[in-house]
Amino acid sequence: MKTKTHTRDLKSLARRLGYSPAEMAKLEQSEARTRLSSALEVMRAESGQTQSQVAERMGVNQSTVSRIESSHWQELRLGEIDAYLKAVRRPWTDIHPLLG
């Protein structure tokens, strides 16, 4: 539950600093992408595969898998997420709660 506490503290701090509603929305989107990227990395680890192995199954470079797993501040493409989930043999339902 430490993550929830940290998130709540971060949002409280942002409000105290006077973040606008638009800035708060961006903060929440960034938080959601961070949770998704972390969940994908965990799924890969649970599948027992390296980034290189997942990349090979996806037909991309290892750097693409690294970018997907560390995509805290950028947009992920649905096609990339789909290919990643197939490579680690996980259904979309495993990440559905993280998509907001």
Protein backbone atom coordinates (compact mmCIF):
# COMPACT_ATOMS: atom_id res chain seq x y z
CA MET A 1 0.00 0.00 0.00
CA LYS A 2 3.03 2.27 0.08
CA THR A 3 2.40 3.24 -3.55
CA LYS A 4 -1.14 4.40 -2.78
CA THR A 5 0.13 6.47 0.14
CA HIS A 6 2.88 7.96 -2.01
CA THR A 7 0.40 8.76 -4.78
CA ARG A 8 -2.01 10.36 -2.35
CA ASP A 9 0.84 12.43 -0.86
CA LEU A 10 1.97 13.49 -4.33
CA LYS A 11 -1.52 14.59 -5.31
CA SER A 12 -1.93 16.45 -2.01
CA LEU A 13 1.37 18.22 -2.59
CA ALA A 14 0.37 19.13 -6.14
CA ARG A 15 -2.92 20.60 -4.88
CA ARG A 16 -1.11 22.59 -2.17
CA LEU A 17 1.28 23.90 -4.82
CA GLY A 18 -1.69 25.15 -6.79
CA TYR A 19 -1.65 22.75 -9.73
CA SER A 20 -4.43 23.55 -12.17
CA PRO A 21 -7.04 20.91 -13.05
CA ALA A 22 -5.23 20.35 -16.37
CA GLU A 23 -1.91 19.84 -14.57
CA MET A 24 -3.57 17.44 -12.12
CA ALA A 25 -4.98 15.46 -15.06
CA LYS A 26 -1.50 15.20 -16.60
CA LEU A 27 -0.11 14.03 -13.27
CA GLU A 28 -2.78 11.32 -13.04
CA GLN A 29 -2.09 10.18 -16.62
CA SER A 30 1.61 9.91 -15.86
CA GLU A 31 0.82 7.89 -12.75
CA ALA A 32 -1.34 5.49 -14.79
CA ARG A 33 1.40 4.99 -17.42
CA THR A 34 3.92 4.27 -14.67
CA ARG A 35 1.64 1.61 -13.16
CA LEU A 36 1.08 0.02 -16.57
CA SER A 37 4.78 -0.06 -17.48
CA SER A 38 5.67 -1.57 -14.12
CA ALA A 39 2.94 -4.21 -14.47
CA LEU A 40 4.22 -5.16 -17.93
CA GLU A 41 7.75 -5.59 -16.58
CA VAL A 42 6.45 -7.84 -13.80
CA MET A 43 4.52 -9.94 -16.34
CA ARG A 44 7.69 -10.44 -18.37
CA ALA A 45 9.64 -11.47 -15.30
CA GLU A 46 6.89 -13.89 -14.31
CA SER A 47 7.03 -15.40 -17.80
CA GLY A 48 10.71 -16.15 -17.22
CA GLN A 49 11.79 -14.24 -20.32
CA THR A 50 14.45 -11.63 -20.85
CA GLN A 51 13.77 -8.38 -22.69
CA SER A 52 15.64 -9.82 -25.67
CA GLN A 53 13.44 -12.91 -25.75
CA VAL A 54 10.26 -10.84 -25.59
CA ALA A 55 11.63 -8.56 -28.32
CA GLU A 56 12.30 -11.54 -30.55
CA ARG A 57 8.74 -12.82 -30.06
CA MET A 58 7.41 -9.31 -30.83
CA GLY A 59 9.64 -8.84 -33.87
CA VAL A 60 11.26 -5.70 -32.47
CA ASN A 61 14.58 -4.64 -30.92
CA GLN A 62 15.33 -5.17 -27.24
CA SER A 63 15.44 -1.39 -26.89
CA THR A 64 11.74 -1.26 -27.82
CA VAL A 65 10.90 -3.63 -24.97
CA SER A 66 13.04 -1.54 -22.63
CA ARG A 67 11.18 1.59 -23.73
CA ILE A 68 7.80 -0.07 -23.15
CA GLU A 69 8.82 -1.17 -19.66
CA SER A 70 10.21 2.23 -18.71
CA SER A 71 7.60 4.39 -20.41
CA HIS A 72 6.83 6.61 -17.46
CA TRP A 73 6.42 9.84 -19.38
CA GLN A 74 5.50 8.89 -22.93
CA GLU A 75 2.53 7.42 -24.73
CA LEU A 76 2.45 3.69 -25.27
CA ARG A 77 0.97 2.41 -28.52
CA LEU A 78 -1.88 -0.11 -28.30
CA GLY A 79 -0.22 -2.29 -30.93
CA GLU A 80 2.94 -2.45 -28.86
CA ILE A 81 1.02 -3.38 -25.73
CA ASP A 82 -0.90 -6.05 -27.64
CA ALA A 83 2.28 -7.57 -29.08
CA TYR A 84 3.96 -7.42 -25.67
CA LEU A 85 1.06 -9.20 -23.96
CA LYS A 86 1.08 -11.90 -26.63
CA ALA A 87 4.85 -12.33 -26.22
CA VAL A 88 4.53 -12.86 -22.46
CA ARG A 89 1.36 -14.94 -22.97
CA ARG A 90 -0.94 -12.74 -20.91
CA PRO A 91 -4.49 -11.60 -21.73
CA TRP A 92 -5.63 -7.98 -21.98
CA THR A 93 -7.81 -8.58 -18.92
CA ASP A 94 -4.62 -8.64 -16.81
CA ILE A 95 -3.99 -4.98 -17.53
CA HIS A 96 -7.55 -3.77 -18.03
CA PRO A 97 -7.80 -2.35 -14.45
CA LEU A 98 -4.64 -0.30 -15.10
CA LEU A 99 -6.04 1.39 -18.17
CA GLY A 100 -8.38 3.57 -16.18
